[in-house]
Amino acid sequence: MTQSAGRRELFTKFLGGKTAQKFIAPPYFCGEFGCTDCDAPCASACNRELLSFENERVNFKFKSLGCNFCKECALACEEAGREVLNLKFAAIIEAKIFIDVHSCLAWNGTICCSCQDVCRFRAIEFLGVFRPSVNQKCTGCAQCMEVCFANSIKMEAL
């Protein structure tokens, strides 16, 4: 991001303008949209309601549950004759997950490892007892966000 783009976002927030919502690719995304005239069966198939369909494209949106990579979205897309979400593509969500050290219980001296316990990919490591961080194994599933008591785990588009 350029410096002027960063300033633009900052002033847009202060002045009450709308910032453009950044796209977060869902799991099994092929990299290109073919959603014209689509009824979004992928979004309907997600029982956790993590996919939204806006402007003829599917987008990952964390609500209260993380993605368990059940494959239903990709199967529904393929069944509808689309290739936008397809099982031959990676089961990752293209987003950056990070821990806000100012509000994280562990970073502030309370023993807590709920994020590490829930991560089946072992993407959260602790430096000692009190310093969790997200490593390269992260798939962006947001399961850790679901269990964080302090809402200290955040997601942003890449």
C-alpha atoms as a PDB file:
ATOM      1  CA  MET A   1       0.000   0.000   0.000  1.00  0.00           C
ATOM      2  CA  THR A   2       1.370   3.395  -0.857  1.00  0.00           C
ATOM      3  CA  GLN A   3       1.648   6.136   1.682  1.00  0.00           C
ATOM      4  CA  SER A   4      -1.067   8.210  -0.003  1.00  0.00           C
ATOM      5  CA  ALA A   5      -3.445   5.230  -0.072  1.00  0.00           C
ATOM      6  CA  GLY A   6      -2.881   4.759   3.667  1.00  0.00           C
ATOM      7  CA  ARG A   7      -3.629   8.424   4.333  1.00  0.00           C
ATOM      8  CA  ARG A   8      -6.737   8.197   2.188  1.00  0.00           C
ATOM      9  CA  GLU A   9      -8.044   5.277   4.269  1.00  0.00           C
ATOM     10  CA  LEU A  10      -7.230   7.098   7.506  1.00  0.00           C
ATOM     11  CA  PHE A  11      -9.028  10.310   6.516  1.00  0.00           C
ATOM     12  CA  THR A  12     -11.959   8.365   5.042  1.00  0.00           C
ATOM     13  CA  LYS A  13     -12.486   6.716   8.435  1.00  0.00           C
ATOM     14  CA  PHE A  14     -12.308  10.040  10.303  1.00  0.00           C
ATOM     15  CA  LEU A  15     -14.603  11.837   7.897  1.00  0.00           C
ATOM     16  CA  GLY A  16     -17.210   9.093   7.927  1.00  0.00           C
ATOM     17  CA  GLY A  17     -16.740   7.926   4.364  1.00  0.00           C
ATOM     18  CA  LYS A  18     -16.964   4.319   3.301  1.00  0.00           C
ATOM     19  CA  THR A  19     -13.827   2.303   2.811  1.00  0.00           C
ATOM     20  CA  ALA A  20     -13.865  -0.379   0.169  1.00  0.00           C
ATOM     21  CA  GLN A  21     -14.389  -3.831   1.639  1.00  0.00           C
ATOM     22  CA  LYS A  22     -11.386  -5.964   0.811  1.00  0.00           C
ATOM     23  CA  PHE A  23     -11.900  -9.336  -0.777  1.00  0.00           C
ATOM     24  CA  ILE A  24     -10.990 -12.487   1.160  1.00  0.00           C
ATOM     25  CA  ALA A  25     -10.863 -15.533  -1.091  1.00  0.00           C
ATOM     26  CA  PRO A  26     -12.796 -18.522   0.239  1.00  0.00           C
ATOM     27  CA  PRO A  27     -11.352 -22.042   0.380  1.00  0.00           C
ATOM     28  CA  TYR A  28     -11.020 -23.935  -2.910  1.00  0.00           C
ATOM     29  CA  PHE A  29     -10.995 -20.666  -4.893  1.00  0.00           C
ATOM     30  CA  CYS A  30      -9.674 -21.045  -8.454  1.00  0.00           C
ATOM     31  CA  GLY A  31      -8.384 -17.486  -8.671  1.00  0.00           C
ATOM     32  CA  GLU A  32     -10.904 -16.215 -11.213  1.00  0.00           C
ATOM     33  CA  PHE A  33     -14.578 -15.373 -10.984  1.00  0.00           C
ATOM     34  CA  GLY A  34     -17.148 -17.053 -13.167  1.00  0.00           C
ATOM     35  CA  CYS A  35     -20.141 -16.053 -11.097  1.00  0.00           C
ATOM     36  CA  THR A  36     -22.133 -14.107 -13.699  1.00  0.00           C
ATOM     37  CA  ASP A  37     -25.794 -15.151 -13.548  1.00  0.00           C
ATOM     38  CA  CYS A  38     -25.077 -17.445 -10.599  1.00  0.00           C
ATOM     39  CA  ASP A  39     -27.495 -18.120  -7.743  1.00  0.00           C
ATOM     40  CA  ALA A  40     -24.578 -18.613  -5.296  1.00  0.00           C
ATOM     41  CA  PRO A  41     -25.146 -22.255  -4.356  1.00  0.00           C
ATOM     42  CA  CYS A  42     -21.776 -22.147  -2.584  1.00  0.00           C
ATOM     43  CA  ALA A  43     -22.992 -19.510  -0.118  1.00  0.00           C
ATOM     44  CA  SER A  44     -26.223 -21.417   0.489  1.00  0.00           C
ATOM     45  CA  ALA A  45     -24.299 -24.654   1.053  1.00  0.00           C
ATOM     46  CA  CYS A  46     -22.144 -23.192   3.831  1.00  0.00           C
ATOM     47  CA  ASN A  47     -23.896 -24.224   7.047  1.00  0.00           C
ATOM     48  CA  ARG A  48     -21.697 -21.797   8.997  1.00  0.00           C
ATOM     49  CA  GLU A  49     -22.802 -18.859   6.812  1.00  0.00           C
ATOM     50  CA  LEU A  50     -19.212 -17.820   6.070  1.00  0.00           C
ATOM     51  CA  LEU A  51     -19.662 -17.005   2.398  1.00  0.00           C
ATOM     52  CA  SER A  52     -21.353 -13.925   1.046  1.00  0.00           C
ATOM     53  CA  PHE A  53     -22.225 -13.252  -2.574  1.00  0.00           C
ATOM     54  CA  GLU A  54     -21.945  -9.644  -3.696  1.00  0.00           C
ATOM     55  CA  ASN A  55     -21.300  -8.059  -7.088  1.00  0.00           C
ATOM     56  CA  GLU A  56     -21.169 -11.455  -8.780  1.00  0.00           C
ATOM     57  CA  ARG A  57     -18.380 -12.783  -6.574  1.00  0.00           C
ATOM     58  CA  VAL A  58     -18.131 -14.979  -3.519  1.00  0.00           C
ATOM     59  CA  ASN A  59     -16.336 -13.653  -0.441  1.00  0.00           C
ATOM     60  CA  PHE A  60     -15.279 -15.206   2.881  1.00  0.00           C
ATOM     61  CA  LYS A  61     -16.703 -13.367   5.901  1.00  0.00           C
ATOM     62  CA  PHE A  62     -16.006 -14.517   9.439  1.00  0.00           C
ATOM     63  CA  LYS A  63     -19.077 -14.372  11.670  1.00  0.00           C
ATOM     64  CA  SER A  64     -18.909 -16.459  14.816  1.00  0.00           C
ATOM     65  CA  LEU A  65     -17.708 -19.838  13.578  1.00  0.00           C
ATOM     66  CA  GLY A  66     -14.535 -20.618  11.693  1.00  0.00           C
ATOM     67  CA  CYS A  67     -14.350 -22.713   8.534  1.00  0.00           C
ATOM     68  CA  ASN A  68     -14.024 -26.456   9.043  1.00  0.00           C
ATOM     69  CA  PHE A  69     -13.249 -27.113   5.342  1.00  0.00           C
ATOM     70  CA  CYS A  70     -16.267 -29.376   4.976  1.00  0.00           C
ATOM     71  CA  LYS A  71     -16.083 -29.007   1.140  1.00  0.00           C
ATOM     72  CA  GLU A  72     -19.824 -28.334   0.781  1.00  0.00           C
ATOM     73  CA  CYS A  73     -19.250 -24.946  -0.888  1.00  0.00           C
ATOM     74  CA  ALA A  74     -16.965 -26.420  -3.542  1.00  0.00           C
ATOM     75  CA  LEU A  75     -19.262 -29.375  -4.142  1.00  0.00           C
ATOM     76  CA  ALA A  76     -22.255 -27.056  -4.602  1.00  0.00           C
ATOM     77  CA  CYS A  77     -20.311 -24.871  -7.018  1.00  0.00           C
ATOM     78  CA  GLU A  78     -19.203 -27.874  -9.083  1.00  0.00           C
ATOM     79  CA  GLU A  79     -22.730 -29.323  -9.032  1.00  0.00           C
ATOM     80  CA  ALA A  80     -24.015 -26.024 -10.477  1.00  0.00           C
ATOM     81  CA  GLY A  81     -21.537 -26.402 -13.351  1.00  0.00           C
ATOM     82  CA  ARG A  82     -19.164 -23.717 -12.079  1.00  0.00           C
ATOM     83  CA  GLU A  83     -15.446 -23.932 -11.421  1.00  0.00           C
ATOM     84  CA  VAL A  84     -14.992 -20.927  -9.134  1.00  0.00           C
ATOM     85  CA  LEU A  85     -14.760 -23.135  -6.039  1.00  0.00           C
ATOM     86  CA  ASN A  86     -13.332 -26.520  -6.852  1.00  0.00           C
ATOM     87  CA  LEU A  87     -11.771 -29.276  -4.745  1.00  0.00           C
ATOM     88  CA  LYS A  88      -8.703 -29.390  -6.975  1.00  0.00           C
ATOM     89  CA  PHE A  89      -7.665 -26.018  -5.511  1.00  0.00           C
ATOM     90  CA  ALA A  90      -6.154 -25.379  -2.074  1.00  0.00           C
ATOM     91  CA  ALA A  91      -8.242 -25.574   1.071  1.00  0.00           C
ATOM     92  CA  ILE A  92      -6.962 -22.264   2.410  1.00  0.00           C
ATOM     93  CA  ILE A  93      -8.556 -18.889   3.001  1.00  0.00           C
ATOM     94  CA  GLU A  94      -6.382 -16.139   1.625  1.00  0.00           C
ATOM     95  CA  ALA A  95      -6.286 -13.854   4.637  1.00  0.00           C
ATOM     96  CA  LYS A  96      -3.817 -12.824   7.276  1.00  0.00           C
ATOM     97  CA  ILE A  97      -4.645 -13.861  10.817  1.00  0.00           C
ATOM     98  CA  PHE A  98      -2.843 -11.952  13.553  1.00  0.00           C
ATOM     99  CA  ILE A  99      -2.988 -11.539  17.317  1.00  0.00           C
ATOM    100  CA  ASP A 100      -3.543  -8.129  18.893  1.00  0.00           C
ATOM    101  CA  VAL A 101      -0.934  -8.194  21.656  1.00  0.00           C
ATOM    102  CA  HIS A 102      -2.603  -5.319  23.509  1.00  0.00           C
ATOM    103  CA  SER A 103      -5.802  -7.247  24.197  1.00  0.00           C
ATOM    104  CA  CYS A 104      -4.577 -10.876  24.127  1.00  0.00           C
ATOM    105  CA  LEU A 105      -4.916 -12.462  27.568  1.00  0.00           C
ATOM    106  CA  ALA A 106      -1.693 -14.449  27.209  1.00  0.00           C
ATOM    107  CA  TRP A 107       0.325 -11.451  26.029  1.00  0.00           C
ATOM    108  CA  ASN A 108      -0.928  -9.615  29.106  1.00  0.00           C
ATOM    109  CA  GLY A 109       0.081 -12.208  31.679  1.00  0.00           C
ATOM    110  CA  THR A 110      -2.942 -14.525  31.913  1.00  0.00           C
ATOM    111  CA  ILE A 111      -2.358 -18.157  31.069  1.00  0.00           C
ATOM    112  CA  CYS A 112      -4.563 -18.815  28.056  1.00  0.00           C
ATOM    113  CA  CYS A 113      -3.964 -21.078  25.090  1.00  0.00           C
ATOM    114  CA  SER A 114      -7.466 -21.583  23.709  1.00  0.00           C
ATOM    115  CA  CYS A 115      -6.370 -20.447  20.241  1.00  0.00           C
ATOM    116  CA  GLN A 116      -3.514 -22.951  20.168  1.00  0.00           C
ATOM    117  CA  ASP A 117      -5.689 -25.765  21.504  1.00  0.00           C
ATOM    118  CA  VAL A 118      -8.312 -25.391  18.758  1.00  0.00           C
ATOM    119  CA  CYS A 119      -5.865 -25.093  15.831  1.00  0.00           C
ATOM    120  CA  ARG A 120      -5.621 -28.459  14.097  1.00  0.00           C
ATOM    121  CA  PHE A 121      -2.913 -27.090  11.782  1.00  0.00           C
ATOM    122  CA  ARG A 122      -0.589 -26.134  14.664  1.00  0.00           C
ATOM    123  CA  ALA A 123      -0.408 -22.608  13.296  1.00  0.00           C
ATOM    124  CA  ILE A 124      -0.202 -20.903  16.685  1.00  0.00           C
ATOM    125  CA  GLU A 125       3.051 -21.172  18.573  1.00  0.00           C
ATOM    126  CA  PHE A 126       3.984 -19.803  21.965  1.00  0.00           C
ATOM    127  CA  LEU A 127       7.306 -18.217  22.782  1.00  0.00           C
ATOM    128  CA  GLY A 128       7.413 -19.234  26.413  1.00  0.00           C
ATOM    129  CA  VAL A 129       4.088 -19.240  28.220  1.00  0.00           C
ATOM    130  CA  PHE A 130       2.764 -15.803  27.368  1.00  0.00           C
ATOM    131  CA  ARG A 131       3.564 -14.943  23.747  1.00  0.00           C
ATOM    132  CA  PRO A 132       1.428 -16.624  21.070  1.00  0.00           C
ATOM    133  CA  SER A 133       2.042 -15.896  17.392  1.00  0.00           C
ATOM    134  CA  VAL A 134       0.610 -17.162  14.115  1.00  0.00           C
ATOM    135  CA  ASN A 135       3.033 -19.077  11.894  1.00  0.00           C
ATOM    136  CA  GLN A 136       3.125 -19.996   8.180  1.00  0.00           C
ATOM    137  CA  LYS A 137       0.968 -23.104   8.667  1.00  0.00           C
ATOM    138  CA  CYS A 138      -2.116 -20.896   9.083  1.00  0.00           C
ATOM    139  CA  THR A 139      -4.893 -21.671   6.593  1.00  0.00           C
ATOM    140  CA  GLY A 140      -7.031 -18.674   7.575  1.00  0.00           C
ATOM    141  CA  CYS A 141      -9.870 -20.896   8.799  1.00  0.00           C
ATOM    142  CA  ALA A 142     -10.570 -18.541  11.742  1.00  0.00           C
ATOM    143  CA  GLN A 143     -11.260 -21.348  14.225  1.00  0.00           C
ATOM    144  CA  CYS A 144      -8.949 -19.480  16.611  1.00  0.00           C
ATOM    145  CA  MET A 145     -11.057 -16.317  16.275  1.00  0.00           C
ATOM    146  CA  GLU A 146     -14.092 -18.338  17.276  1.00  0.00           C
ATOM    147  CA  VAL A 147     -12.628 -19.343  20.655  1.00  0.00           C
ATOM    148  CA  CYS A 148     -10.696 -16.216  21.633  1.00  0.00           C
ATOM    149  CA  PHE A 149     -12.295 -14.878  24.818  1.00  0.00           C
ATOM    150  CA  ALA A 150     -10.803 -11.402  24.350  1.00  0.00           C
ATOM    151  CA  ASN A 151     -11.530 -11.135  20.598  1.00  0.00           C
ATOM    152  CA  SER A 152      -7.814 -10.516  20.128  1.00  0.00           C
ATOM    153  CA  ILE A 153      -7.401 -12.501  16.942  1.00  0.00           C
ATOM    154  CA  LYS A 154      -8.076 -10.507  13.794  1.00  0.00           C
ATOM    155  CA  MET A 155      -8.382 -11.270  10.094  1.00  0.00           C
ATOM    156  CA  GLU A 156      -7.564  -9.035   7.164  1.00  0.00           C
ATOM    157  CA  ALA A 157      -7.373  -9.467   3.412  1.00  0.00           C
ATOM    158  CA  LEU A 158      -3.973 -10.108   1.912  1.00  0.00           C
END
